[in-house]
Amino acid sequence: MSNDTTYQWRKQVVWGLVLIAVGAIFLLDRLYILDIHDLWQYWPLILVFIGLTRMIGSPTPAEFSSGLWMVFIGSWLFVVFNNAFDVTFRNSWPVLLIGGVIVMVVKPLMEKRA
């Protein structure tokens, strides 16, 4: 198999597993085993997961940098919404600038690797 074929295959498997997990969560909610409202605080982790799927395999530098950015944004939103470490939108917005610069630095390094 070529590198592109294995990359596409992995992405399809990951998204298939995500759809199975989402279906299982809704089923457990309908059976009153799990309350889906308790899980709502974890929605930024979906961005992290999407970013990780963009970074697996042999992505292009643009896919890798956008995946890295999504992981960064999802992690930041998760910390802010759960008020971990007393982080709020007001006191942590400079972290977005730092993350943007990190993504801008990583992209050319990935282009050299490719």
PDB file of N, CA and C in Angstrom:
ATOM      1  N   MET A   1       0.839  -1.190   0.000  1.00  0.00           N
ATOM      2  CA  MET A   1       0.000   0.000   0.000  1.00  0.00           C
ATOM      3  C   MET A   1       0.876   1.243   0.000  1.00  0.00           C
ATOM      4  N   SER A   2       0.444   2.239  -0.677  1.00  0.00           N
ATOM      5  CA  SER A   2       1.206   3.483  -0.693  1.00  0.00           C
ATOM      6  C   SER A   2       0.931   4.270   0.578  1.00  0.00           C
ATOM      7  N   ASN A   3       1.743   5.268   0.796  1.00  0.00           N
ATOM      8  CA  ASN A   3       1.627   6.090   1.995  1.00  0.00           C
ATOM      9  C   ASN A   3       0.290   6.829   2.046  1.00  0.00           C
ATOM     10  N   ASP A   4      -0.150   7.347   0.882  1.00  0.00           N
ATOM     11  CA  ASP A   4      -1.424   8.069   0.832  1.00  0.00           C
ATOM     12  C   ASP A   4      -2.596   7.138   1.096  1.00  0.00           C
ATOM     13  N   THR A   5      -2.509   5.919   0.600  1.00  0.00           N
ATOM     14  CA  THR A   5      -3.591   4.959   0.797  1.00  0.00           C
ATOM     15  C   THR A   5      -3.716   4.584   2.266  1.00  0.00           C
ATOM     16  N   THR A   6      -2.596   4.343   2.939  1.00  0.00           N
ATOM     17  CA  THR A   6      -2.659   3.984   4.357  1.00  0.00           C
ATOM     18  C   THR A   6      -3.148   5.161   5.187  1.00  0.00           C
ATOM     19  N   TYR A   7      -2.757   6.372   4.796  1.00  0.00           N
ATOM     20  CA  TYR A   7      -3.219   7.558   5.519  1.00  0.00           C
ATOM     21  C   TYR A   7      -4.731   7.702   5.401  1.00  0.00           C
ATOM     22  N   GLN A   8      -5.267   7.551   4.207  1.00  0.00           N
ATOM     23  CA  GLN A   8      -6.715   7.656   4.012  1.00  0.00           C
ATOM     24  C   GLN A   8      -7.442   6.525   4.737  1.00  0.00           C
ATOM     25  N   TRP A   9      -6.872   5.340   4.715  1.00  0.00           N
ATOM     26  CA  TRP A   9      -7.478   4.203   5.400  1.00  0.00           C
ATOM     27  C   TRP A   9      -7.552   4.451   6.906  1.00  0.00           C
ATOM     28  N   ARG A  10      -6.462   4.970   7.495  1.00  0.00           N
ATOM     29  CA  ARG A  10      -6.460   5.270   8.928  1.00  0.00           C
ATOM     30  C   ARG A  10      -7.489   6.337   9.280  1.00  0.00           C
ATOM     31  N   LYS A  11      -7.590   7.355   8.441  1.00  0.00           N
ATOM     32  CA  LYS A  11      -8.576   8.403   8.708  1.00  0.00           C
ATOM     33  C   LYS A  11      -9.993   7.838   8.664  1.00  0.00           C
ATOM     34  N   GLN A  12     -10.275   6.972   7.715  1.00  0.00           N
ATOM     35  CA  GLN A  12     -11.607   6.380   7.622  1.00  0.00           C
ATOM     36  C   GLN A  12     -11.904   5.500   8.828  1.00  0.00           C
ATOM     37  N   VAL A  13     -10.923   4.746   9.286  1.00  0.00           N
ATOM     38  CA  VAL A  13     -11.124   3.899  10.465  1.00  0.00           C
ATOM     39  C   VAL A  13     -11.389   4.756  11.695  1.00  0.00           C
ATOM     40  N   VAL A  14     -10.629   5.819  11.850  1.00  0.00           N
ATOM     41  CA  VAL A  14     -10.806   6.694  13.016  1.00  0.00           C
ATOM     42  C   VAL A  14     -12.193   7.325  12.997  1.00  0.00           C
ATOM     43  N   TRP A  15     -12.622   7.821  11.845  1.00  0.00           N
ATOM     44  CA  TRP A  15     -13.950   8.449  11.783  1.00  0.00           C
ATOM     45  C   TRP A  15     -15.059   7.422  11.970  1.00  0.00           C
ATOM     46  N   GLY A  16     -14.854   6.206  11.519  1.00  0.00           N
ATOM     47  CA  GLY A  16     -15.827   5.147  11.771  1.00  0.00           C
ATOM     48  C   GLY A  16     -15.959   4.863  13.254  1.00  0.00           C
ATOM     49  N   LEU A  17     -14.829   4.822  13.952  1.00  0.00           N
ATOM     50  CA  LEU A  17     -14.863   4.608  15.400  1.00  0.00           C
ATOM     51  C   LEU A  17     -15.542   5.767  16.123  1.00  0.00           C
ATOM     52  N   VAL A  18     -15.329   6.978  15.628  1.00  0.00           N
ATOM     53  CA  VAL A  18     -15.993   8.141  16.235  1.00  0.00           C
ATOM     54  C   VAL A  18     -17.507   8.026  16.085  1.00  0.00           C
ATOM     55  N   LEU A  19     -17.972   7.667  14.911  1.00  0.00           N
ATOM     56  CA  LEU A  19     -19.412   7.535  14.699  1.00  0.00           C
ATOM     57  C   LEU A  19     -20.007   6.423  15.555  1.00  0.00           C
ATOM     58  N   ILE A  20     -19.284   5.335  15.719  1.00  0.00           N
ATOM     59  CA  ILE A  20     -19.752   4.265  16.604  1.00  0.00           C
ATOM     60  C   ILE A  20     -19.833   4.761  18.041  1.00  0.00           C
ATOM     61  N   ALA A  21     -18.838   5.502  18.491  1.00  0.00           N
ATOM     62  CA  ALA A  21     -18.840   6.026  19.859  1.00  0.00           C
ATOM     63  C   ALA A  21     -19.989   7.007  20.075  1.00  0.00           C
ATOM     64  N   VAL A  22     -20.225   7.886  19.107  1.00  0.00           N
ATOM     65  CA  VAL A  22     -21.328   8.845  19.234  1.00  0.00           C
ATOM     66  C   VAL A  22     -22.662   8.115  19.276  1.00  0.00           C
ATOM     67  N   GLY A  23     -22.827   7.120  18.430  1.00  0.00           N
ATOM     68  CA  GLY A  23     -24.058   6.333  18.447  1.00  0.00           C
ATOM     69  C   GLY A  23     -24.248   5.615  19.771  1.00  0.00           C
ATOM     70  N   ALA A  24     -23.163   5.069  20.322  1.00  0.00           N
ATOM     71  CA  ALA A  24     -23.252   4.385  21.617  1.00  0.00           C
ATOM     72  C   ALA A  24     -23.619   5.367  22.735  1.00  0.00           C
ATOM     73  N   ILE A  25     -23.085   6.563  22.680  1.00  0.00           N
ATOM     74  CA  ILE A  25     -23.416   7.567  23.701  1.00  0.00           C
ATOM     75  C   ILE A  25     -24.892   7.929  23.625  1.00  0.00           C
ATOM     76  N   PHE A  26     -25.413   8.151  22.423  1.00  0.00           N
ATOM     77  CA  PHE A  26     -26.835   8.469  22.292  1.00  0.00           C
ATOM     78  C   PHE A  26     -27.708   7.300  22.722  1.00  0.00           C
ATOM     79  N   LEU A  27     -27.287   6.084  22.422  1.00  0.00           N
ATOM     80  CA  LEU A  27     -28.048   4.913  22.856  1.00  0.00           C
ATOM     81  C   LEU A  27     -28.077   4.809  24.377  1.00  0.00           C
ATOM     82  N   LEU A  28     -26.936   5.002  25.009  1.00  0.00           N
ATOM     83  CA  LEU A  28     -26.892   4.952  26.476  1.00  0.00           C
ATOM     84  C   LEU A  28     -27.709   6.072  27.100  1.00  0.00           C
ATOM     85  N   ASP A  29     -27.770   7.212  26.431  1.00  0.00           N
ATOM     86  CA  ASP A  29     -28.602   8.312  26.918  1.00  0.00           C
ATOM     87  C   ASP A  29     -30.085   7.942  26.830  1.00  0.00           C
ATOM     88  N   ARG A  30     -30.477   7.332  25.729  1.00  0.00           N
ATOM     89  CA  ARG A  30     -31.881   6.934  25.544  1.00  0.00           C
ATOM     90  C   ARG A  30     -32.288   5.805  26.488  1.00  0.00           C
ATOM     91  N   LEU A  31     -31.333   4.970  26.896  1.00  0.00           N
ATOM     92  CA  LEU A  31     -31.619   3.887  27.836  1.00  0.00           C
ATOM     93  C   LEU A  31     -31.498   4.337  29.297  1.00  0.00           C
ATOM     94  N   TYR A  32     -31.257   5.623  29.499  1.00  0.00           N
ATOM     95  CA  TYR A  32     -31.115   6.236  30.827  1.00  0.00           C
ATOM     96  C   TYR A  32     -29.981   5.627  31.633  1.00  0.00           C
ATOM     97  N   ILE A  33     -28.958   5.180  30.952  1.00  0.00           N
ATOM     98  CA  ILE A  33     -27.757   4.680  31.624  1.00  0.00           C
ATOM     99  C   ILE A  33     -26.751   5.807  31.804  1.00  0.00           C
ATOM    100  N   LEU A  34     -26.769   6.743  30.886  1.00  0.00           N
ATOM    101  CA  LEU A  34     -25.827   7.852  30.873  1.00  0.00           C
ATOM    102  C   LEU A  34     -26.604   9.133  30.598  1.00  0.00           C
ATOM    103  N   ASP A  35     -26.237  10.205  31.287  1.00  0.00           N
ATOM    104  CA  ASP A  35     -26.869  11.494  31.024  1.00  0.00           C
ATOM    105  C   ASP A  35     -25.937  12.294  30.122  1.00  0.00           C
ATOM    106  N   ILE A  36     -26.387  12.570  28.918  1.00  0.00           N
ATOM    107  CA  ILE A  36     -25.539  13.237  27.927  1.00  0.00           C
ATOM    108  C   ILE A  36     -25.176  14.667  28.344  1.00  0.00           C
ATOM    109  N   HIS A  37     -25.982  15.266  29.207  1.00  0.00           N
ATOM    110  CA  HIS A  37     -25.682  16.629  29.658  1.00  0.00           C
ATOM    111  C   HIS A  37     -24.423  16.663  30.521  1.00  0.00           C
ATOM    112  N   ASP A  38     -24.108  15.546  31.163  1.00  0.00           N
ATOM    113  CA  ASP A  38     -22.868  15.484  31.938  1.00  0.00           C
ATOM    114  C   ASP A  38     -21.643  15.458  31.034  1.00  0.00           C
ATOM    115  N   LEU A  39     -21.811  14.994  29.820  1.00  0.00           N
ATOM    116  CA  LEU A  39     -20.696  14.912  28.876  1.00  0.00           C
ATOM    117  C   LEU A  39     -20.481  16.203  28.099  1.00  0.00           C
ATOM    118  N   TRP A  40     -21.415  17.141  28.140  1.00  0.00           N
ATOM    119  CA  TRP A  40     -21.347  18.342  27.318  1.00  0.00           C
ATOM    120  C   TRP A  40     -20.117  19.185  27.625  1.00  0.00           C
ATOM    121  N   GLN A  41     -19.598  19.120  28.847  1.00  0.00           N
ATOM    122  CA  GLN A  41     -18.432  19.921  29.194  1.00  0.00           C
ATOM    123  C   GLN A  41     -17.160  19.465  28.473  1.00  0.00           C
ATOM    124  N   TYR A  42     -17.223  18.293  27.853  1.00  0.00           N
ATOM    125  CA  TYR A  42     -16.061  17.754  27.160  1.00  0.00           C
ATOM    126  C   TYR A  42     -16.073  18.017  25.657  1.00  0.00           C
ATOM    127  N   TRP A  43     -16.969  18.870  25.150  1.00  0.00           N
ATOM    128  CA  TRP A  43     -17.067  19.075  23.706  1.00  0.00           C
ATOM    129  C   TRP A  43     -15.782  19.620  23.079  1.00  0.00           C
ATOM    130  N   PRO A  44     -14.963  20.437  23.772  1.00  0.00           N
ATOM    131  CA  PRO A  44     -13.731  20.883  23.106  1.00  0.00           C
ATOM    132  C   PRO A  44     -12.779  19.744  22.758  1.00  0.00           C
ATOM    133  N   LEU A  45     -12.934  18.619  23.417  1.00  0.00           N
ATOM    134  CA  LEU A  45     -12.075  17.485  23.101  1.00  0.00           C
ATOM    135  C   LEU A  45     -12.362  16.936  21.707  1.00  0.00           C
ATOM    136  N   ILE A  46     -13.521  17.259  21.165  1.00  0.00           N
ATOM    137  CA  ILE A  46     -13.819  16.873  19.780  1.00  0.00           C
ATOM    138  C   ILE A  46     -12.852  17.588  18.836  1.00  0.00           C
ATOM    139  N   LEU A  47     -12.572  18.860  19.113  1.00  0.00           N
ATOM    140  CA  LEU A  47     -11.590  19.597  18.304  1.00  0.00           C
ATOM    141  C   LEU A  47     -10.204  18.969  18.419  1.00  0.00           C
ATOM    142  N   VAL A  48      -9.855  18.544  19.629  1.00  0.00           N
ATOM    143  CA  VAL A  48      -8.561  17.891  19.825  1.00  0.00           C
ATOM    144  C   VAL A  48      -8.502  16.613  18.996  1.00  0.00           C
ATOM    145  N   PHE A  49      -9.571  15.847  19.020  1.00  0.00           N
ATOM    146  CA  PHE A  49      -9.612  14.594  18.281  1.00  0.00           C
ATOM    147  C   PHE A  49      -9.520  14.842  16.774  1.00  0.00           C
ATOM    148  N   ILE A  50     -10.251  15.821  16.283  1.00  0.00           N
ATOM    149  CA  ILE A  50     -10.188  16.142  14.852  1.00  0.00           C
ATOM    150  C   ILE A  50      -8.776  16.586  14.467  1.00  0.00           C
ATOM    151  N   GLY A  51      -8.157  17.390  15.317  1.00  0.00           N
ATOM    152  CA  GLY A  51      -6.788  17.819  15.049  1.00  0.00           C
ATOM    153  C   GLY A  51      -5.814  16.660  15.021  1.00  0.00           C
ATOM    154  N   LEU A  52      -5.991  15.708  15.935  1.00  0.00           N
ATOM    155  CA  LEU A  52      -5.101  14.542  15.953  1.00  0.00           C
ATOM    156  C   LEU A  52      -5.275  13.684  14.712  1.00  0.00           C
ATOM    157  N   THR A  53      -6.514  13.568  14.235  1.00  0.00           N
ATOM    158  CA  THR A  53      -6.715  12.773  13.020  1.00  0.00           C
ATOM    159  C   THR A  53      -6.070  13.444  11.810  1.00  0.00           C
ATOM    160  N   ARG A  54      -5.972  14.747  11.821  1.00  0.00           N
ATOM    161  CA  ARG A  54      -5.292  15.438  10.721  1.00  0.00           C
ATOM    162  C   ARG A  54      -3.790  15.260  10.779  1.00  0.00           C
ATOM    163  N   MET A  55      -3.279  14.969  11.977  1.00  0.00           N
ATOM    164  CA  MET A  55      -1.838  14.877  12.154  1.00  0.00           C
ATOM    165  C   MET A  55      -1.297  13.457  11.994  1.00  0.00           C
ATOM    166  N   ILE A  56      -2.154  12.445  11.933  1.00  0.00           N
ATOM    167  CA  ILE A  56      -1.663  11.070  11.857  1.00  0.00           C
ATOM    168  C   ILE A  56      -1.234  10.715  10.439  1.00  0.00           C
ATOM    169  N   GLY A  57      -0.443   9.688  10.339  1.00  0.00           N
ATOM    170  CA  GLY A  57      -0.009   9.229   9.026  1.00  0.00           C
ATOM    171  C   GLY A  57       1.044  10.142   8.432  1.00  0.00           C
ATOM    172  N   SER A  58       0.893  10.450   7.182  1.00  0.00           N
ATOM    173  CA  SER A  58       1.823  11.336   6.477  1.00  0.00           C
ATOM    174  C   SER A  58       1.061  12.528   5.918  1.00  0.00           C
ATOM    175  N   PRO A  59       0.645  13.447   6.788  1.00  0.00           N
ATOM    176  CA  PRO A  59      -0.118  14.588   6.293  1.00  0.00           C
ATOM    177  C   PRO A  59       0.780  15.592   5.574  1.00  0.00           C
ATOM    178  N   THR A  60       0.149  16.423   4.785  1.00  0.00           N
ATOM    179  CA  THR A  60       0.880  17.529   4.175  1.00  0.00           C
ATOM    180  C   THR A  60       1.203  18.534   5.282  1.00  0.00           C
ATOM    181  N   PRO A  61       2.152  19.422   5.045  1.00  0.00           N
ATOM    182  CA  PRO A  61       2.456  20.427   6.068  1.00  0.00           C
ATOM    183  C   PRO A  61       1.240  21.283   6.447  1.00  0.00           C
ATOM    184  N   ALA A  62       0.386  21.581   5.474  1.00  0.00           N
ATOM    185  CA  ALA A  62      -0.812  22.374   5.779  1.00  0.00           C
ATOM    186  C   ALA A  62      -1.772  21.588   6.667  1.00  0.00           C
ATOM    187  N   GLU A  63      -1.956  20.282   6.378  1.00  0.00           N
ATOM    188  CA  GLU A  63      -2.826  19.464   7.222  1.00  0.00           C
ATOM    189  C   GLU A  63      -2.256  19.331   8.625  1.00  0.00           C
ATOM    190  N   PHE A  64      -0.943  19.140   8.719  1.00  0.00           N
ATOM    191  CA  PHE A  64      -0.325  18.994  10.031  1.00  0.00           C
ATOM    192  C   PHE A  64      -0.460  20.269  10.856  1.00  0.00           C
ATOM    193  N   SER A  65      -0.197  21.415  10.235  1.00  0.00           N
ATOM    194  CA  SER A  65      -0.276  22.667  10.987  1.00  0.00           C
ATOM    195  C   SER A  65      -1.715  22.999  11.377  1.00  0.00           C
ATOM    196  N   SER A  66      -2.688  22.702  10.505  1.00  0.00           N
ATOM    197  CA  SER A  66      -4.075  22.948  10.885  1.00  0.00           C
ATOM    198  C   SER A  66      -4.513  21.973  11.978  1.00  0.00           C
ATOM    199  N   GLY A  67      -4.014  20.736  11.934  1.00  0.00           N
ATOM    200  CA  GLY A  67      -4.299  19.784  12.996  1.00  0.00           C
ATOM    201  C   GLY A  67      -3.703  20.225  14.321  1.00  0.00           C
ATOM    202  N   LEU A  68      -2.483  20.720  14.277  1.00  0.00           N
ATOM    203  CA  LEU A  68      -1.832  21.228  15.489  1.00  0.00           C
ATOM    204  C   LEU A  68      -2.607  22.407  16.069  1.00  0.00           C
ATOM    205  N   TRP A  69      -3.072  23.290  15.198  1.00  0.00           N
ATOM    206  CA  TRP A  69      -3.851  24.445  15.636  1.00  0.00           C
ATOM    207  C   TRP A  69      -5.164  23.999  16.285  1.00  0.00           C
ATOM    208  N   MET A  70      -5.819  23.002  15.706  1.00  0.00           N
ATOM    209  CA  MET A  70      -7.081  22.517  16.280  1.00  0.00           C
ATOM    210  C   MET A  70      -6.849  21.847  17.629  1.00  0.00           C
ATOM    211  N   VAL A  71      -5.763  21.101  17.767  1.00  0.00           N
ATOM    212  CA  VAL A  71      -5.433  20.491  19.060  1.00  0.00           C
ATOM    213  C   VAL A  71      -5.196  21.584  20.095  1.00  0.00           C
ATOM    214  N   PHE A  72      -4.489  22.614  19.699  1.00  0.00           N
ATOM    215  CA  PHE A  72      -4.190  23.712  20.612  1.00  0.00           C
ATOM    216  C   PHE A  72      -5.470  24.441  21.034  1.00  0.00           C
ATOM    217  N   ILE A  73      -6.319  24.787  20.081  1.00  0.00           N
ATOM    218  CA  ILE A  73      -7.566  25.497  20.394  1.00  0.00           C
ATOM    219  C   ILE A  73      -8.482  24.636  21.256  1.00  0.00           C
ATOM    220  N   GLY A  74      -8.627  23.368  20.906  1.00  0.00           N
ATOM    221  CA  GLY A  74      -9.483  22.477  21.687  1.00  0.00           C
ATOM    222  C   GLY A  74      -8.990  22.323  23.113  1.00  0.00           C
ATOM    223  N   SER A  75      -7.689  22.183  23.285  1.00  0.00           N
ATOM    224  CA  SER A  75      -7.123  22.065  24.636  1.00  0.00           C
ATOM    225  C   SER A  75      -7.339  23.342  25.432  1.00  0.00           C
ATOM    226  N   TRP A  76      -7.113  24.468  24.782  1.00  0.00           N
ATOM    227  CA  TRP A  76      -7.296  25.756  25.462  1.00  0.00           C
ATOM    228  C   TRP A  76      -8.759  25.950  25.869  1.00  0.00           C
ATOM    229  N   LEU A  77      -9.688  25.656  24.968  1.00  0.00           N
ATOM    230  CA  LEU A  77     -11.102  25.791  25.303  1.00  0.00           C
ATOM    231  C   LEU A  77     -11.520  24.844  26.427  1.00  0.00           C
ATOM    232  N   PHE A  78     -10.987  23.641  26.422  1.00  0.00           N
ATOM    233  CA  PHE A  78     -11.304  22.697  27.483  1.00  0.00           C
ATOM    234  C   PHE A  78     -10.849  23.227  28.835  1.00  0.00           C
ATOM    235  N   VAL A  79      -9.641  23.759  28.893  1.00  0.00           N
ATOM    236  CA  VAL A  79      -9.124  24.310  30.148  1.00  0.00           C
ATOM    237  C   VAL A  79      -9.945  25.513  30.581  1.00  0.00           C
ATOM    238  N   VAL A  80     -10.288  26.385  29.642  1.00  0.00           N
ATOM    239  CA  VAL A  80     -11.038  27.596  29.986  1.00  0.00           C
ATOM    240  C   VAL A  80     -12.458  27.260  30.454  1.00  0.00           C
ATOM    241  N   PHE A  81     -13.158  26.396  29.719  1.00  0.00           N
ATOM    242  CA  PHE A  81     -14.542  26.082  30.084  1.00  0.00           C
ATOM    243  C   PHE A  81     -14.649  25.324  31.398  1.00  0.00           C
ATOM    244  N   ASN A  82     -13.625  24.554  31.743  1.00  0.00           N
ATOM    245  CA  ASN A  82     -13.638  23.828  33.005  1.00  0.00           C
ATOM    246  C   ASN A  82     -12.944  24.587  34.126  1.00  0.00           C
ATOM    247  N   ASN A  83     -12.502  25.808  33.828  1.00  0.00           N
ATOM    248  CA  ASN A  83     -11.867  26.698  34.788  1.00  0.00           C
ATOM    249  C   ASN A  83     -10.712  26.015  35.513  1.00  0.00           C
ATOM    250  N   ALA A  84      -9.958  25.223  34.782  1.00  0.00           N
ATOM    251  CA  ALA A  84      -8.796  24.562  35.355  1.00  0.00           C
ATOM    252  C   ALA A  84      -7.684  25.583  35.556  1.00  0.00           C
ATOM    253  N   PHE A  85      -6.974  25.464  36.647  1.00  0.00           N
ATOM    254  CA  PHE A  85      -5.856  26.349  36.979  1.00  0.00           C
ATOM    255  C   PHE A  85      -6.277  27.820  37.025  1.00  0.00           C
ATOM    256  N   ASP A  86      -7.531  28.099  37.297  1.00  0.00           N
ATOM    257  CA  ASP A  86      -8.079  29.469  37.329  1.00  0.00           C
ATOM    258  C   ASP A  86      -7.865  30.215  36.016  1.00  0.00           C
ATOM    259  N   VAL A  87      -7.917  29.489  34.922  1.00  0.00           N
ATOM    260  CA  VAL A  87      -7.749  30.083  33.598  1.00  0.00           C
ATOM    261  C   VAL A  87      -9.117  30.515  33.088  1.00  0.00           C
ATOM    262  N   THR A  88      -9.193  31.754  32.622  1.00  0.00           N
ATOM    263  CA  THR A  88     -10.416  32.280  32.031  1.00  0.00           C
ATOM    264  C   THR A  88     -10.076  32.858  30.655  1.00  0.00           C
ATOM    265  N   PHE A  89     -11.123  33.231  29.912  1.00  0.00           N
ATOM    266  CA  PHE A  89     -10.879  33.882  28.617  1.00  0.00           C
ATOM    267  C   PHE A  89     -10.099  35.167  28.802  1.00  0.00           C
ATOM    268  N   ARG A  90     -10.421  35.869  29.854  1.00  0.00           N
ATOM    269  CA  ARG A  90      -9.830  37.185  30.071  1.00  0.00           C
ATOM    270  C   ARG A  90      -8.334  37.123  30.364  1.00  0.00           C
ATOM    271  N   ASN A  91      -7.904  36.128  31.157  1.00  0.00           N
ATOM    272  CA  ASN A  91      -6.488  36.104  31.527  1.00  0.00           C
ATOM    273  C   ASN A  91      -5.641  35.171  30.673  1.00  0.00           C
ATOM    274  N   SER A  92      -6.254  34.483  29.704  1.00  0.00           N
ATOM    275  CA  SER A  92      -5.454  33.534  28.929  1.00  0.00           C
ATOM    276  C   SER A  92      -5.427  33.808  27.429  1.00  0.00           C
ATOM    277  N   TRP A  93      -5.962  34.912  26.976  1.00  0.00           N
ATOM    278  CA  TRP A  93      -5.980  35.178  25.534  1.00  0.00           C
ATOM    279  C   TRP A  93      -4.580  35.273  24.928  1.00  0.00           C
ATOM    280  N   PRO A  94      -3.539  35.702  25.669  1.00  0.00           N
ATOM    281  CA  PRO A  94      -2.210  35.712  25.037  1.00  0.00           C
ATOM    282  C   PRO A  94      -1.712  34.320  24.642  1.00  0.00           C
ATOM    283  N   VAL A  95      -2.270  33.291  25.254  1.00  0.00           N
ATOM    284  CA  VAL A  95      -1.882  31.935  24.900  1.00  0.00           C
ATOM    285  C   VAL A  95      -2.229  31.658  23.436  1.00  0.00           C
ATOM    286  N   LEU A  96      -3.317  32.252  22.951  1.00  0.00           N
ATOM    287  CA  LEU A  96      -3.683  32.082  21.540  1.00  0.00           C
ATOM    288  C   LEU A  96      -2.618  32.665  20.612  1.00  0.00           C
ATOM    289  N   LEU A  97      -2.049  33.787  20.996  1.00  0.00           N
ATOM    290  CA  LEU A  97      -0.972  34.373  20.188  1.00  0.00           C
ATOM    291  C   LEU A  97       0.239  33.462  20.168  1.00  0.00           C
ATOM    292  N   ILE A  98       0.587  32.917  21.320  1.00  0.00           N
ATOM    293  CA  ILE A  98       1.730  32.009  21.398  1.00  0.00           C
ATOM    294  C   ILE A  98       1.474  30.767  20.548  1.00  0.00           C
ATOM    295  N   GLY A  99       0.263  30.218  20.640  1.00  0.00           N
ATOM    296  CA  GLY A  99      -0.085  29.045  19.837  1.00  0.00           C
ATOM    297  C   GLY A  99      -0.016  29.335  18.348  1.00  0.00           C
ATOM    298  N   GLY A 100      -0.489  30.499  17.945  1.00  0.00           N
ATOM    299  CA  GLY A 100      -0.425  30.875  16.539  1.00  0.00           C
ATOM    300  C   GLY A 100       1.001  30.974  16.034  1.00  0.00           C
ATOM    301  N   VAL A 101       1.877  31.518  16.865  1.00  0.00           N
ATOM    302  CA  VAL A 101       3.285  31.631  16.484  1.00  0.00           C
ATOM    303  C   VAL A 101       3.928  30.242  16.405  1.00  0.00           C
ATOM    304  N   ILE A 102       3.575  29.362  17.335  1.00  0.00           N
ATOM    305  CA  ILE A 102       4.119  27.999  17.301  1.00  0.00           C
ATOM    306  C   ILE A 102       3.705  27.306  16.009  1.00  0.00           C
ATOM    307  N   VAL A 103       2.448  27.448  15.623  1.00  0.00           N
ATOM    308  CA  VAL A 103       1.974  26.833  14.379  1.00  0.00           C
ATOM    309  C   VAL A 103       2.703  27.435  13.184  1.00  0.00           C
ATOM    310  N   MET A 104       2.933  28.749  13.204  1.00  0.00           N
ATOM    311  CA  MET A 104       3.647  29.398  12.108  1.00  0.00           C
ATOM    312  C   MET A 104       5.091  28.923  12.017  1.00  0.00           C
ATOM    313  N   VAL A 105       5.706  28.577  13.138  1.00  0.00           N
ATOM    314  CA  VAL A 105       7.086  28.094  13.137  1.00  0.00           C
ATOM    315  C   VAL A 105       7.147  26.633  12.690  1.00  0.00           C
ATOM    316  N   VAL A 106       6.166  25.834  13.106  1.00  0.00           N
ATOM    317  CA  VAL A 106       6.183  24.403  12.789  1.00  0.00           C
ATOM    318  C   VAL A 106       5.917  24.150  11.312  1.00  0.00           C
ATOM    319  N   LYS A 107       5.087  24.955  10.684  1.00  0.00           N
ATOM    320  CA  LYS A 107       4.711  24.714   9.278  1.00  0.00           C
ATOM    321  C   LYS A 107       5.925  24.707   8.345  1.00  0.00           C
ATOM    322  N   PRO A 108       6.823  25.691   8.408  1.00  0.00           N
ATOM    323  CA  PRO A 108       7.999  25.620   7.522  1.00  0.00           C
ATOM    324  C   PRO A 108       8.907  24.435   7.841  1.00  0.00           C
ATOM    325  N   LEU A 109       8.976  24.059   9.110  1.00  0.00           N
ATOM    326  CA  LEU A 109       9.791  22.895   9.465  1.00  0.00           C
ATOM    327  C   LEU A 109       9.199  21.623   8.854  1.00  0.00           C
ATOM    328  N   MET A 110       7.879  21.527   8.836  1.00  0.00           N
ATOM    329  CA  MET A 110       7.233  20.377   8.214  1.00  0.00           C
ATOM    330  C   MET A 110       7.423  20.393   6.702  1.00  0.00           C
ATOM    331  N   GLU A 111       7.420  21.589   6.096  1.00  0.00           N
ATOM    332  CA  GLU A 111       7.630  21.684   4.652  1.00  0.00           C
ATOM    333  C   GLU A 111       9.053  21.226   4.281  1.00  0.00           C
ATOM    334  N   LYS A 112      10.038  21.517   5.145  1.00  0.00           N
ATOM    335  CA  LYS A 112      11.394  21.058   4.883  1.00  0.00           C
ATOM    336  C   LYS A 112      11.487  19.541   4.982  1.00  0.00           C
ATOM    337  N   ARG A 113      10.730  18.972   5.953  1.00  0.00           N
ATOM    338  CA  ARG A 113      10.748  17.532   6.123  1.00  0.00           C
ATOM    339  C   ARG A 113      10.125  16.838   4.912  1.00  0.00           C
ATOM    340  N   ALA A 114       9.043  17.434   4.395  1.00  0.00           N
ATOM    341  CA  ALA A 114       8.366  16.836   3.242  1.00  0.00           C
ATOM    342  C   ALA A 114       9.143  17.161   1.997  1.00  0.00           C
TER     343      ALA A 114
END
